Amino acid sequence: MRLDELKTGQNALVKDVQASHENDLIARRLRDLGFVSGEPVRIVARAPLGGDPLLVTVGFTRFALRRTEAARINVAMPDTGVSPGAAA
């Protein structure tokens, strides 16, 4: 799943950042900002009408990302320790 596909407020963990070529500066910058494997991430807010930007929290820091940037970040749902179908 990609970061831009998360629902607002939904928690996930960063898996990786996709680079479109060997020296992809945007992918490198996203990693430098903290979008690295295992970091908690969530979408805090979205621009009206589904536009840009997305307000994203990674770790304890907030960033405004374009949808195209968020689409480069692969995420996984965190293991909650609750088995599927178990009563909450």
C-alpha atoms as a PDB file:
ATOM      1  CA  MET A   1       0.000   0.000   0.000  1.00  0.00           C
ATOM      2  CA  ARG A   2       1.181   3.544  -0.687  1.00  0.00           C
ATOM      3  CA  LEU A   3       1.084   6.409   1.789  1.00  0.00           C
ATOM      4  CA  ASP A   4      -1.312   8.435  -0.386  1.00  0.00           C
ATOM      5  CA  GLU A   5      -3.826   5.546  -0.131  1.00  0.00           C
ATOM      6  CA  LEU A   6      -4.113   5.719   3.669  1.00  0.00           C
ATOM      7  CA  LYS A   7      -7.258   7.153   5.190  1.00  0.00           C
ATOM      8  CA  THR A   8      -6.886  10.296   7.274  1.00  0.00           C
ATOM      9  CA  GLY A   9      -5.842   9.321  10.806  1.00  0.00           C
ATOM     10  CA  GLN A  10      -4.903   5.747   9.879  1.00  0.00           C
ATOM     11  CA  ASN A  11      -1.572   4.531  11.298  1.00  0.00           C
ATOM     12  CA  ALA A  12       1.014   2.639   9.262  1.00  0.00           C
ATOM     13  CA  LEU A  13       4.730   1.882   9.150  1.00  0.00           C
ATOM     14  CA  VAL A  14       7.078   2.941   6.379  1.00  0.00           C
ATOM     15  CA  LYS A  15       8.355  -0.004   4.321  1.00  0.00           C
ATOM     16  CA  ASP A  16      10.486   1.859   1.783  1.00  0.00           C
ATOM     17  CA  VAL A  17      10.692   4.774  -0.632  1.00  0.00           C
ATOM     18  CA  GLN A  18      10.556   4.045  -4.362  1.00  0.00           C
ATOM     19  CA  ALA A  19      13.218   5.674  -6.498  1.00  0.00           C
ATOM     20  CA  SER A  20      12.406   6.252 -10.157  1.00  0.00           C
ATOM     21  CA  HIS A  21      16.090   6.125 -11.158  1.00  0.00           C
ATOM     22  CA  GLU A  22      19.535   5.642  -9.609  1.00  0.00           C
ATOM     23  CA  ASN A  23      20.132   9.219  -8.390  1.00  0.00           C
ATOM     24  CA  ASP A  24      16.520  10.128  -7.584  1.00  0.00           C
ATOM     25  CA  LEU A  25      16.840  13.307  -5.482  1.00  0.00           C
ATOM     26  CA  ILE A  26      13.211  13.264  -4.324  1.00  0.00           C
ATOM     27  CA  ALA A  27      13.483   9.710  -2.984  1.00  0.00           C
ATOM     28  CA  ARG A  28      16.746  10.606  -1.279  1.00  0.00           C
ATOM     29  CA  ARG A  29      15.212  13.717   0.287  1.00  0.00           C
ATOM     30  CA  LEU A  30      12.209  11.736   1.576  1.00  0.00           C
ATOM     31  CA  ARG A  31      14.592   9.264   3.235  1.00  0.00           C
ATOM     32  CA  ASP A  32      16.612  12.152   4.693  1.00  0.00           C
ATOM     33  CA  LEU A  33      13.402  13.595   6.175  1.00  0.00           C
ATOM     34  CA  GLY A  34      12.801  10.335   8.070  1.00  0.00           C
ATOM     35  CA  PHE A  35      10.725   8.180   5.731  1.00  0.00           C
ATOM     36  CA  VAL A  36      12.760   5.050   6.474  1.00  0.00           C
ATOM     37  CA  SER A  37      11.773   1.453   7.116  1.00  0.00           C
ATOM     38  CA  GLY A  38       9.924   0.911  10.385  1.00  0.00           C
ATOM     39  CA  GLU A  39       9.041   4.554  11.120  1.00  0.00           C
ATOM     40  CA  PRO A  40       5.415   5.173  12.150  1.00  0.00           C
ATOM     41  CA  VAL A  41       3.530   7.360   9.693  1.00  0.00           C
ATOM     42  CA  ARG A  42       0.004   8.726   9.325  1.00  0.00           C
ATOM     43  CA  ILE A  43      -1.941  11.251   7.293  1.00  0.00           C
ATOM     44  CA  VAL A  44      -3.145  14.006   9.620  1.00  0.00           C
ATOM     45  CA  ALA A  45      -5.116  16.057   7.071  1.00  0.00           C
ATOM     46  CA  ARG A  46      -5.798  16.433   3.365  1.00  0.00           C
ATOM     47  CA  ALA A  47      -6.347  19.504   1.244  1.00  0.00           C
ATOM     48  CA  PRO A  48      -9.957  20.170   0.264  1.00  0.00           C
ATOM     49  CA  LEU A  49     -11.345  18.221  -2.687  1.00  0.00           C
ATOM     50  CA  GLY A  50      -8.570  15.625  -2.508  1.00  0.00           C
ATOM     51  CA  GLY A  51      -5.853  17.966  -3.751  1.00  0.00           C
ATOM     52  CA  ASP A  52      -2.363  18.797  -2.569  1.00  0.00           C
ATOM     53  CA  PRO A  53      -0.847  18.884  -0.047  1.00  0.00           C
ATOM     54  CA  LEU A  54      -1.213  16.052   2.459  1.00  0.00           C
ATOM     55  CA  LEU A  55      -0.223  16.782   6.058  1.00  0.00           C
ATOM     56  CA  VAL A  56       1.780  13.742   7.142  1.00  0.00           C
ATOM     57  CA  THR A  57       3.373  12.769  10.442  1.00  0.00           C
ATOM     58  CA  VAL A  58       6.467  10.559  10.375  1.00  0.00           C
ATOM     59  CA  GLY A  59       7.826   9.784  13.803  1.00  0.00           C
ATOM     60  CA  PHE A  60       7.166  12.995  15.749  1.00  0.00           C
ATOM     61  CA  THR A  61       7.538  15.406  12.813  1.00  0.00           C
ATOM     62  CA  ARG A  62       4.894  16.818  10.467  1.00  0.00           C
ATOM     63  CA  PHE A  63       5.440  17.473   6.769  1.00  0.00           C
ATOM     64  CA  ALA A  64       3.313  18.720   3.913  1.00  0.00           C
ATOM     65  CA  LEU A  65       3.776  16.364   0.955  1.00  0.00           C
ATOM     66  CA  ARG A  66       2.440  16.429  -2.570  1.00  0.00           C
ATOM     67  CA  ARG A  67       0.344  13.413  -3.509  1.00  0.00           C
ATOM     68  CA  THR A  68       3.020  12.391  -6.034  1.00  0.00           C
ATOM     69  CA  GLU A  69       5.641  12.368  -3.254  1.00  0.00           C
ATOM     70  CA  ALA A  70       3.397  10.391  -0.888  1.00  0.00           C
ATOM     71  CA  ALA A  71       2.759   7.866  -3.678  1.00  0.00           C
ATOM     72  CA  ARG A  72       6.484   6.979  -3.648  1.00  0.00           C
ATOM     73  CA  ILE A  73       6.330   5.848  -0.003  1.00  0.00           C
ATOM     74  CA  ASN A  74       5.281   2.227   0.557  1.00  0.00           C
ATOM     75  CA  VAL A  75       3.669   1.503   3.904  1.00  0.00           C
ATOM     76  CA  ALA A  76       2.422  -1.509   5.854  1.00  0.00           C
ATOM     77  CA  MET A  77      -0.245  -1.704   8.494  1.00  0.00           C
ATOM     78  CA  PRO A  78       1.258  -2.124  11.980  1.00  0.00           C
ATOM     79  CA  ASP A  79       0.861  -5.435  13.778  1.00  0.00           C
ATOM     80  CA  THR A  80      -1.751  -4.670  16.427  1.00  0.00           C
ATOM     81  CA  GLY A  81      -1.438  -8.026  18.172  1.00  0.00           C
ATOM     82  CA  VAL A  82      -5.145  -8.661  17.608  1.00  0.00           C
ATOM     83  CA  SER A  83      -6.028 -11.599  15.408  1.00  0.00           C
ATOM     84  CA  PRO A  84      -8.412 -10.990  12.534  1.00  0.00           C
ATOM     85  CA  GLY A  85     -11.999 -11.661  13.577  1.00  0.00           C
ATOM     86  CA  ALA A  86     -11.280 -11.313  17.303  1.00  0.00           C
ATOM     87  CA  ALA A  87     -13.712  -9.220  19.320  1.00  0.00           C
ATOM     88  CA  ALA A  88     -12.405  -5.748  20.098  1.00  0.00           C
END
